């Protein structure tokens, strides 16, 4: 049985604390950018535009992730504590909100430069699992998004929470949403003939499935609980991702290019 005694603070610099969660965002963006530039992008124009897109994506991730968490998970609290909306360093980010933020940012950037938005969204989809992998590892280090109690030999005790052995659901997600999803999307992307936008569909579809499965082993947010039976908010949002991925797939399949 493993006991999670990791310190959420990676190191301190004078009066500032550098946390693993912040580093996961930085490493995810940097490694994702490098992977796209080194292995995916062959066109010089797209490569140059992709560099500029990064700043749009960072804004989309932060604003979308924060607003998504507020709207999907804790609207009542933040409606009564408006100033705390800006306290991002205290935590409270939603992947699904960040995803919407990225899509909106990419849409406006692509429209500005008159480029097919799915070209960029496909690139983002392929490298996104890199950031997801680091993010879930950081969740594990922070003892957050904990799993349900278990008697399995690989159960983990999170002393910051309690002394109950729990599923390391964060590691399940890092494996499924990070490693496995990365492999699947790269296989699809590097096929000889793949219609632009299909990789984006695949990301929505497979992430939705992997997140839904992971939610089975994960404790729901205490202030929300389950919506119906054992159906959590994460399951609902992931189900919507799967639904929209199917609609998008058929729209692209029958679209005239």
C-alpha atoms as a PDB file:
ATOM      1  CA  UNK A   1       0.000   0.000   0.000  1.00  0.00           C
ATOM      2  CA  UNK A   2       1.472   3.342  -1.067  1.00  0.00           C
ATOM      3  CA  UNK A   3       1.127   6.525   0.996  1.00  0.00           C
ATOM      4  CA  UNK A   4       1.082   9.775  -0.958  1.00  0.00           C
ATOM      5  CA  UNK A   5       3.270  12.197   0.976  1.00  0.00           C
ATOM      6  CA  UNK A   6       4.284  14.321  -2.005  1.00  0.00           C
ATOM      7  CA  UNK A   7       4.665  18.050  -1.413  1.00  0.00           C
ATOM      8  CA  UNK A   8       2.479  20.066  -3.837  1.00  0.00           C
ATOM      9  CA  UNK A   9       5.201  22.747  -3.829  1.00  0.00           C
ATOM     10  CA  UNK A  10       8.018  21.868  -6.234  1.00  0.00           C
ATOM     11  CA  UNK A  11      10.343  24.556  -4.886  1.00  0.00           C
ATOM     12  CA  UNK A  12      10.315  28.033  -3.394  1.00  0.00           C
ATOM     13  CA  UNK A  13      11.893  31.091  -4.951  1.00  0.00           C
ATOM     14  CA  UNK A  14      12.258  33.846  -2.389  1.00  0.00           C
ATOM     15  CA  UNK A  15       8.669  34.466  -1.204  1.00  0.00           C
ATOM     16  CA  UNK A  16       7.092  32.632  -4.148  1.00  0.00           C
ATOM     17  CA  UNK A  17       6.055  29.000  -4.197  1.00  0.00           C
ATOM     18  CA  UNK A  18       6.326  27.136  -7.490  1.00  0.00           C
ATOM     19  CA  UNK A  19       3.796  24.319  -7.471  1.00  0.00           C
ATOM     20  CA  UNK A  20       3.771  21.119  -9.473  1.00  0.00           C
ATOM     21  CA  UNK A  21       0.319  21.997 -10.803  1.00  0.00           C
ATOM     22  CA  UNK A  22       1.608  25.227 -12.340  1.00  0.00           C
ATOM     23  CA  UNK A  23       4.601  23.392 -13.783  1.00  0.00           C
ATOM     24  CA  UNK A  24       2.311  20.803 -15.344  1.00  0.00           C
ATOM     25  CA  UNK A  25       0.635  23.557 -17.395  1.00  0.00           C
ATOM     26  CA  UNK A  26       4.010  24.988 -18.417  1.00  0.00           C
ATOM     27  CA  UNK A  27       5.534  21.618 -19.349  1.00  0.00           C
ATOM     28  CA  UNK A  28       2.365  20.514 -21.131  1.00  0.00           C
ATOM     29  CA  UNK A  29       2.264  23.627 -23.321  1.00  0.00           C
ATOM     30  CA  UNK A  30       6.022  23.630 -24.032  1.00  0.00           C
ATOM     31  CA  UNK A  31       6.273  19.918 -24.858  1.00  0.00           C
ATOM     32  CA  UNK A  32       3.064  20.050 -26.895  1.00  0.00           C
ATOM     33  CA  UNK A  33       4.371  23.032 -28.860  1.00  0.00           C
ATOM     34  CA  UNK A  34       7.713  21.310 -29.451  1.00  0.00           C
ATOM     35  CA  UNK A  35       6.052  18.076 -30.593  1.00  0.00           C
ATOM     36  CA  UNK A  36       3.851  19.905 -33.086  1.00  0.00           C
ATOM     37  CA  UNK A  37       6.737  21.935 -34.479  1.00  0.00           C
ATOM     38  CA  UNK A  38       9.151  19.017 -34.660  1.00  0.00           C
ATOM     39  CA  UNK A  39       6.960  16.150 -35.850  1.00  0.00           C
ATOM     40  CA  UNK A  40       3.559  17.342 -37.075  1.00  0.00           C
ATOM     41  CA  UNK A  41       3.791  20.656 -38.926  1.00  0.00           C
ATOM     42  CA  UNK A  42       5.427  20.614 -42.356  1.00  0.00           C
ATOM     43  CA  UNK A  43       4.051  23.849 -43.807  1.00  0.00           C
ATOM     44  CA  UNK A  44       6.094  26.957 -42.940  1.00  0.00           C
ATOM     45  CA  UNK A  45       3.046  29.256 -42.943  1.00  0.00           C
ATOM     46  CA  UNK A  46       1.133  27.006 -40.561  1.00  0.00           C
ATOM     47  CA  UNK A  47       4.243  26.689 -38.388  1.00  0.00           C
ATOM     48  CA  UNK A  48       4.550  30.460 -38.046  1.00  0.00           C
ATOM     49  CA  UNK A  49       0.854  30.919 -37.343  1.00  0.00           C
ATOM     50  CA  UNK A  50       0.922  28.109 -34.786  1.00  0.00           C
ATOM     51  CA  UNK A  51       3.563  29.988 -32.789  1.00  0.00           C
ATOM     52  CA  UNK A  52       1.255  32.994 -32.534  1.00  0.00           C
ATOM     53  CA  UNK A  53      -1.735  30.785 -31.729  1.00  0.00           C
ATOM     54  CA  UNK A  54      -0.104  29.594 -28.498  1.00  0.00           C
ATOM     55  CA  UNK A  55      -0.827  32.867 -26.689  1.00  0.00           C
ATOM     56  CA  UNK A  56      -4.499  32.626 -27.723  1.00  0.00           C
ATOM     57  CA  UNK A  57      -4.627  29.061 -26.427  1.00  0.00           C
ATOM     58  CA  UNK A  58      -3.142  30.002 -23.055  1.00  0.00           C
ATOM     59  CA  UNK A  59      -5.817  32.662 -22.591  1.00  0.00           C
ATOM     60  CA  UNK A  60      -8.515  30.217 -23.732  1.00  0.00           C
ATOM     61  CA  UNK A  61      -7.316  27.532 -21.306  1.00  0.00           C
ATOM     62  CA  UNK A  62      -7.197  29.874 -18.310  1.00  0.00           C
ATOM     63  CA  UNK A  63     -10.458  31.729 -18.935  1.00  0.00           C
ATOM     64  CA  UNK A  64     -12.356  28.690 -20.177  1.00  0.00           C
ATOM     65  CA  UNK A  65     -11.044  26.412 -17.456  1.00  0.00           C
ATOM     66  CA  UNK A  66     -11.882  28.858 -14.705  1.00  0.00           C
ATOM     67  CA  UNK A  67     -15.314  29.854 -15.995  1.00  0.00           C
ATOM     68  CA  UNK A  68     -16.109  26.213 -16.729  1.00  0.00           C
ATOM     69  CA  UNK A  69     -15.338  25.235 -13.152  1.00  0.00           C
ATOM     70  CA  UNK A  70     -17.506  28.055 -11.829  1.00  0.00           C
ATOM     71  CA  UNK A  71     -20.470  27.289 -14.102  1.00  0.00           C
ATOM     72  CA  UNK A  72     -20.302  23.482 -14.066  1.00  0.00           C
ATOM     73  CA  UNK A  73     -19.130  22.768 -10.546  1.00  0.00           C
ATOM     74  CA  UNK A  74     -19.493  25.652  -8.088  1.00  0.00           C
ATOM     75  CA  UNK A  75     -21.774  28.411  -9.366  1.00  0.00           C
ATOM     76  CA  UNK A  76     -23.590  28.910  -6.061  1.00  0.00           C
ATOM     77  CA  UNK A  77     -20.384  29.517  -4.100  1.00  0.00           C
ATOM     78  CA  UNK A  78     -18.796  31.929  -6.566  1.00  0.00           C
ATOM     79  CA  UNK A  79     -22.019  33.855  -7.100  1.00  0.00           C
ATOM     80  CA  UNK A  80     -21.771  34.683  -3.388  1.00  0.00           C
ATOM     81  CA  UNK A  81     -17.991  35.251  -3.423  1.00  0.00           C
ATOM     82  CA  UNK A  82     -17.377  37.109  -6.679  1.00  0.00           C
ATOM     83  CA  UNK A  83     -13.890  38.331  -5.810  1.00  0.00           C
ATOM     84  CA  UNK A  84     -12.675  34.724  -5.433  1.00  0.00           C
ATOM     85  CA  UNK A  85     -13.367  34.115  -9.103  1.00  0.00           C
ATOM     86  CA  UNK A  86      -9.964  35.685  -9.718  1.00  0.00           C
ATOM     87  CA  UNK A  87      -8.138  33.536  -7.119  1.00  0.00           C
ATOM     88  CA  UNK A  88      -6.974  30.991  -9.691  1.00  0.00           C
ATOM     89  CA  UNK A  89      -3.930  30.070  -7.592  1.00  0.00           C
ATOM     90  CA  UNK A  90      -6.276  28.495  -5.046  1.00  0.00           C
ATOM     91  CA  UNK A  91      -7.381  25.907  -7.612  1.00  0.00           C
ATOM     92  CA  UNK A  92     -10.627  25.308  -9.439  1.00  0.00           C
ATOM     93  CA  UNK A  93     -10.170  24.602 -13.156  1.00  0.00           C
ATOM     94  CA  UNK A  94     -12.370  22.521 -15.426  1.00  0.00           C
ATOM     95  CA  UNK A  95     -10.998  20.515 -18.345  1.00  0.00           C
ATOM     96  CA  UNK A  96     -14.271  20.763 -20.240  1.00  0.00           C
ATOM     97  CA  UNK A  97     -14.329  24.532 -19.738  1.00  0.00           C
ATOM     98  CA  UNK A  98     -10.720  24.775 -20.896  1.00  0.00           C
ATOM     99  CA  UNK A  99     -11.645  22.731 -23.968  1.00  0.00           C
ATOM    100  CA  UNK A 100     -14.410  25.172 -24.868  1.00  0.00           C
ATOM    101  CA  UNK A 101     -11.959  28.045 -24.318  1.00  0.00           C
ATOM    102  CA  UNK A 102      -9.454  26.456 -26.706  1.00  0.00           C
ATOM    103  CA  UNK A 103     -12.105  25.880 -29.376  1.00  0.00           C
ATOM    104  CA  UNK A 104     -13.332  29.483 -29.178  1.00  0.00           C
ATOM    105  CA  UNK A 105      -9.794  30.906 -29.219  1.00  0.00           C
ATOM    106  CA  UNK A 106      -8.847  28.739 -32.205  1.00  0.00           C
ATOM    107  CA  UNK A 107     -12.022  29.657 -34.056  1.00  0.00           C
ATOM    108  CA  UNK A 108     -11.402  33.397 -33.846  1.00  0.00           C
ATOM    109  CA  UNK A 109      -7.687  33.061 -34.587  1.00  0.00           C
ATOM    110  CA  UNK A 110      -8.386  30.898 -37.653  1.00  0.00           C
ATOM    111  CA  UNK A 111     -11.081  33.270 -38.863  1.00  0.00           C
ATOM    112  CA  UNK A 112      -8.687  36.211 -38.473  1.00  0.00           C
ATOM    113  CA  UNK A 113      -6.085  34.506 -40.663  1.00  0.00           C
ATOM    114  CA  UNK A 114      -8.613  32.814 -42.985  1.00  0.00           C
ATOM    115  CA  UNK A 115      -7.341  29.309 -42.229  1.00  0.00           C
ATOM    116  CA  UNK A 116      -9.458  26.184 -41.790  1.00  0.00           C
ATOM    117  CA  UNK A 117      -9.917  25.959 -38.010  1.00  0.00           C
ATOM    118  CA  UNK A 118      -9.712  22.171 -38.068  1.00  0.00           C
ATOM    119  CA  UNK A 119      -6.093  22.324 -39.215  1.00  0.00           C
ATOM    120  CA  UNK A 120      -5.151  23.880 -35.880  1.00  0.00           C
ATOM    121  CA  UNK A 121      -7.672  21.886 -33.838  1.00  0.00           C
ATOM    122  CA  UNK A 122      -6.267  18.636 -35.223  1.00  0.00           C
ATOM    123  CA  UNK A 123      -2.742  19.682 -34.235  1.00  0.00           C
ATOM    124  CA  UNK A 124      -3.917  20.679 -30.752  1.00  0.00           C
ATOM    125  CA  UNK A 125      -5.802  17.398 -30.383  1.00  0.00           C
ATOM    126  CA  UNK A 126      -2.728  15.304 -31.168  1.00  0.00           C
ATOM    127  CA  UNK A 127      -0.511  17.020 -28.601  1.00  0.00           C
ATOM    128  CA  UNK A 128      -3.179  17.741 -25.933  1.00  0.00           C
ATOM    129  CA  UNK A 129      -2.682  14.336 -24.240  1.00  0.00           C
ATOM    130  CA  UNK A 130       0.830  15.469 -23.321  1.00  0.00           C
ATOM    131  CA  UNK A 131      -0.620  18.241 -21.178  1.00  0.00           C
ATOM    132  CA  UNK A 132      -3.328  15.952 -19.832  1.00  0.00           C
ATOM    133  CA  UNK A 133      -0.688  13.455 -18.724  1.00  0.00           C
ATOM    134  CA  UNK A 134       1.263  16.066 -16.758  1.00  0.00           C
ATOM    135  CA  UNK A 135      -1.921  17.587 -15.366  1.00  0.00           C
ATOM    136  CA  UNK A 136      -3.196  14.297 -13.918  1.00  0.00           C
ATOM    137  CA  UNK A 137       0.210  13.537 -12.413  1.00  0.00           C
ATOM    138  CA  UNK A 138       0.045  16.956 -10.735  1.00  0.00           C
ATOM    139  CA  UNK A 139      -3.462  16.120  -9.447  1.00  0.00           C
ATOM    140  CA  UNK A 140      -2.010  12.972  -7.898  1.00  0.00           C
ATOM    141  CA  UNK A 141       0.820  14.909  -6.257  1.00  0.00           C
ATOM    142  CA  UNK A 142      -1.691  17.455  -4.922  1.00  0.00           C
ATOM    143  CA  UNK A 143      -3.923  14.710  -3.456  1.00  0.00           C
ATOM    144  CA  UNK A 144      -6.905  16.099  -5.370  1.00  0.00           C
ATOM    145  CA  UNK A 145      -9.600  14.522  -7.545  1.00  0.00           C
ATOM    146  CA  UNK A 146      -9.182  11.444  -5.403  1.00  0.00           C
ATOM    147  CA  UNK A 147     -10.495   7.979  -6.177  1.00  0.00           C
ATOM    148  CA  UNK A 148     -13.016   5.863  -4.330  1.00  0.00           C
ATOM    149  CA  UNK A 149     -12.060   3.602  -1.457  1.00  0.00           C
ATOM    150  CA  UNK A 150     -10.620   0.240  -2.472  1.00  0.00           C
ATOM    151  CA  UNK A 151      -9.142  -2.941  -1.025  1.00  0.00           C
ATOM    152  CA  UNK A 152      -6.908  -3.455  -4.058  1.00  0.00           C
ATOM    153  CA  UNK A 153      -3.189  -3.912  -3.453  1.00  0.00           C
ATOM    154  CA  UNK A 154      -2.457  -0.820  -5.542  1.00  0.00           C
ATOM    155  CA  UNK A 155      -4.653   1.419  -3.384  1.00  0.00           C
ATOM    156  CA  UNK A 156      -3.104   4.717  -2.306  1.00  0.00           C
ATOM    157  CA  UNK A 157      -3.534   6.518   1.002  1.00  0.00           C
ATOM    158  CA  UNK A 158      -3.803  10.302   0.788  1.00  0.00           C
ATOM    159  CA  UNK A 159      -3.002  11.609   4.310  1.00  0.00           C
ATOM    160  CA  UNK A 160      -4.214  15.102   3.366  1.00  0.00           C
ATOM    161  CA  UNK A 161      -7.663  13.568   2.829  1.00  0.00           C
ATOM    162  CA  UNK A 162      -7.935  10.586   5.199  1.00  0.00           C
ATOM    163  CA  UNK A 163      -6.294   7.232   5.934  1.00  0.00           C
ATOM    164  CA  UNK A 164      -8.492   5.204   3.606  1.00  0.00           C
ATOM    165  CA  UNK A 165      -6.812   3.328   0.703  1.00  0.00           C
ATOM    166  CA  UNK A 166      -8.200   4.728  -2.538  1.00  0.00           C
ATOM    167  CA  UNK A 167      -8.035   4.120  -6.261  1.00  0.00           C
ATOM    168  CA  UNK A 168      -5.267   6.285  -7.759  1.00  0.00           C
ATOM    169  CA  UNK A 169      -7.834   7.571 -10.259  1.00  0.00           C
ATOM    170  CA  UNK A 170      -5.520  10.415 -11.261  1.00  0.00           C
ATOM    171  CA  UNK A 171      -2.990   7.851 -12.487  1.00  0.00           C
ATOM    172  CA  UNK A 172      -5.721   5.928 -14.300  1.00  0.00           C
ATOM    173  CA  UNK A 173      -6.565   9.148 -16.116  1.00  0.00           C
ATOM    174  CA  UNK A 174      -2.939   9.996 -16.862  1.00  0.00           C
ATOM    175  CA  UNK A 175      -2.598   6.587 -18.502  1.00  0.00           C
ATOM    176  CA  UNK A 176      -5.873   6.650 -20.456  1.00  0.00           C
ATOM    177  CA  UNK A 177      -6.177  10.354 -21.288  1.00  0.00           C
ATOM    178  CA  UNK A 178      -2.441  10.847 -21.638  1.00  0.00           C
ATOM    179  CA  UNK A 179      -0.566   7.819 -22.971  1.00  0.00           C
ATOM    180  CA  UNK A 180      -3.308   5.758 -24.654  1.00  0.00           C
ATOM    181  CA  UNK A 181      -5.104   8.758 -26.149  1.00  0.00           C
ATOM    182  CA  UNK A 182      -1.778  10.116 -27.459  1.00  0.00           C
ATOM    183  CA  UNK A 183      -1.047   6.819 -29.228  1.00  0.00           C
ATOM    184  CA  UNK A 184      -4.524   6.560 -30.769  1.00  0.00           C
ATOM    185  CA  UNK A 185      -4.556  10.130 -32.085  1.00  0.00           C
ATOM    186  CA  UNK A 186      -1.063   9.849 -33.546  1.00  0.00           C
ATOM    187  CA  UNK A 187      -2.010   6.652 -35.370  1.00  0.00           C
ATOM    188  CA  UNK A 188      -5.010   8.435 -36.887  1.00  0.00           C
ATOM    189  CA  UNK A 189      -3.084  11.629 -37.680  1.00  0.00           C
ATOM    190  CA  UNK A 190      -0.277   9.853 -39.519  1.00  0.00           C
ATOM    191  CA  UNK A 191      -2.549   7.771 -41.713  1.00  0.00           C
ATOM    192  CA  UNK A 192      -2.008   8.627 -45.376  1.00  0.00           C
ATOM    193  CA  UNK A 193      -5.541   9.856 -46.045  1.00  0.00           C
ATOM    194  CA  UNK A 194      -7.410  11.465 -43.181  1.00  0.00           C
ATOM    195  CA  UNK A 195      -9.967  14.191 -43.702  1.00  0.00           C
ATOM    196  CA  UNK A 196      -9.164  17.410 -41.852  1.00  0.00           C
ATOM    197  CA  UNK A 197     -11.144  17.513 -38.603  1.00  0.00           C
ATOM    198  CA  UNK A 198     -11.341  13.745 -38.045  1.00  0.00           C
ATOM    199  CA  UNK A 199      -8.553  13.862 -35.469  1.00  0.00           C
ATOM    200  CA  UNK A 200     -10.525  16.496 -33.558  1.00  0.00           C
ATOM    201  CA  UNK A 201     -13.553  14.186 -33.631  1.00  0.00           C
ATOM    202  CA  UNK A 202     -11.439  11.315 -32.388  1.00  0.00           C
ATOM    203  CA  UNK A 203     -10.130  13.415 -29.519  1.00  0.00           C
ATOM    204  CA  UNK A 204     -13.634  14.324 -28.357  1.00  0.00           C
ATOM    205  CA  UNK A 205     -14.844  10.744 -28.729  1.00  0.00           C
ATOM    206  CA  UNK A 206     -12.006   8.858 -27.061  1.00  0.00           C
ATOM    207  CA  UNK A 207     -11.384  11.420 -24.337  1.00  0.00           C
ATOM    208  CA  UNK A 208     -15.084  11.298 -23.514  1.00  0.00           C
ATOM    209  CA  UNK A 209     -14.955   7.511 -23.207  1.00  0.00           C
ATOM    210  CA  UNK A 210     -11.753   7.443 -21.156  1.00  0.00           C
ATOM    211  CA  UNK A 211     -12.966  10.184 -18.826  1.00  0.00           C
ATOM    212  CA  UNK A 212     -16.310   8.434 -18.370  1.00  0.00           C
ATOM    213  CA  UNK A 213     -14.557   5.195 -17.409  1.00  0.00           C
ATOM    214  CA  UNK A 214     -12.216   7.039 -15.036  1.00  0.00           C
ATOM    215  CA  UNK A 215     -15.170   8.707 -13.332  1.00  0.00           C
ATOM    216  CA  UNK A 216     -16.344   5.259 -12.214  1.00  0.00           C
ATOM    217  CA  UNK A 217     -13.316   5.057  -9.904  1.00  0.00           C
ATOM    218  CA  UNK A 218     -13.307   8.727  -8.876  1.00  0.00           C
ATOM    219  CA  UNK A 219     -15.093  10.395  -5.985  1.00  0.00           C
ATOM    220  CA  UNK A 220     -17.609  13.029  -7.125  1.00  0.00           C
ATOM    221  CA  UNK A 221     -17.107  16.608  -5.985  1.00  0.00           C
ATOM    222  CA  UNK A 222     -18.332  16.787  -2.393  1.00  0.00           C
ATOM    223  CA  UNK A 223     -20.412  19.931  -2.949  1.00  0.00           C
ATOM    224  CA  UNK A 224     -22.167  18.360  -5.963  1.00  0.00           C
ATOM    225  CA  UNK A 225     -22.257  14.627  -5.365  1.00  0.00           C
ATOM    226  CA  UNK A 226     -23.953  12.474  -7.969  1.00  0.00           C
ATOM    227  CA  UNK A 227     -26.529  13.999 -10.305  1.00  0.00           C
ATOM    228  CA  UNK A 228     -28.605  10.829 -10.614  1.00  0.00           C
ATOM    229  CA  UNK A 229     -27.708   7.482  -9.043  1.00  0.00           C
ATOM    230  CA  UNK A 230     -23.959   7.105  -9.618  1.00  0.00           C
ATOM    231  CA  UNK A 231     -23.953   9.496 -12.588  1.00  0.00           C
ATOM    232  CA  UNK A 232     -21.534  12.377 -11.939  1.00  0.00           C
ATOM    233  CA  UNK A 233     -21.088  15.797 -13.525  1.00  0.00           C
ATOM    234  CA  UNK A 234     -17.906  14.528 -15.176  1.00  0.00           C
ATOM    235  CA  UNK A 235     -19.879  11.685 -16.747  1.00  0.00           C
ATOM    236  CA  UNK A 236     -22.504  14.113 -18.041  1.00  0.00           C
ATOM    237  CA  UNK A 237     -19.937  16.439 -19.646  1.00  0.00           C
ATOM    238  CA  UNK A 238     -18.027  13.499 -21.109  1.00  0.00           C
ATOM    239  CA  UNK A 239     -21.244  12.044 -22.534  1.00  0.00           C
ATOM    240  CA  UNK A 240     -21.891  15.375 -24.246  1.00  0.00           C
ATOM    241  CA  UNK A 241     -18.383  15.235 -25.732  1.00  0.00           C
ATOM    242  CA  UNK A 242     -19.085  11.796 -27.194  1.00  0.00           C
ATOM    243  CA  UNK A 243     -22.443  12.965 -28.552  1.00  0.00           C
ATOM    244  CA  UNK A 244     -20.985  16.059 -30.237  1.00  0.00           C
ATOM    245  CA  UNK A 245     -18.057  14.077 -31.633  1.00  0.00           C
ATOM    246  CA  UNK A 246     -20.482  11.782 -33.473  1.00  0.00           C
ATOM    247  CA  UNK A 247     -22.449  14.722 -34.869  1.00  0.00           C
ATOM    248  CA  UNK A 248     -19.238  16.456 -35.957  1.00  0.00           C
ATOM    249  CA  UNK A 249     -17.942  13.267 -37.563  1.00  0.00           C
ATOM    250  CA  UNK A 250     -20.993  12.931 -39.801  1.00  0.00           C
ATOM    251  CA  UNK A 251     -20.961  16.631 -40.652  1.00  0.00           C
ATOM    252  CA  UNK A 252     -17.354  16.343 -41.789  1.00  0.00           C
ATOM    253  CA  UNK A 253     -17.970  13.035 -43.543  1.00  0.00           C
ATOM    254  CA  UNK A 254     -20.628  14.491 -45.799  1.00  0.00           C
ATOM    255  CA  UNK A 255     -19.189  17.983 -46.098  1.00  0.00           C
ATOM    256  CA  UNK A 256     -18.035  19.118 -49.521  1.00  0.00           C
ATOM    257  CA  UNK A 257     -14.334  19.968 -49.552  1.00  0.00           C
END
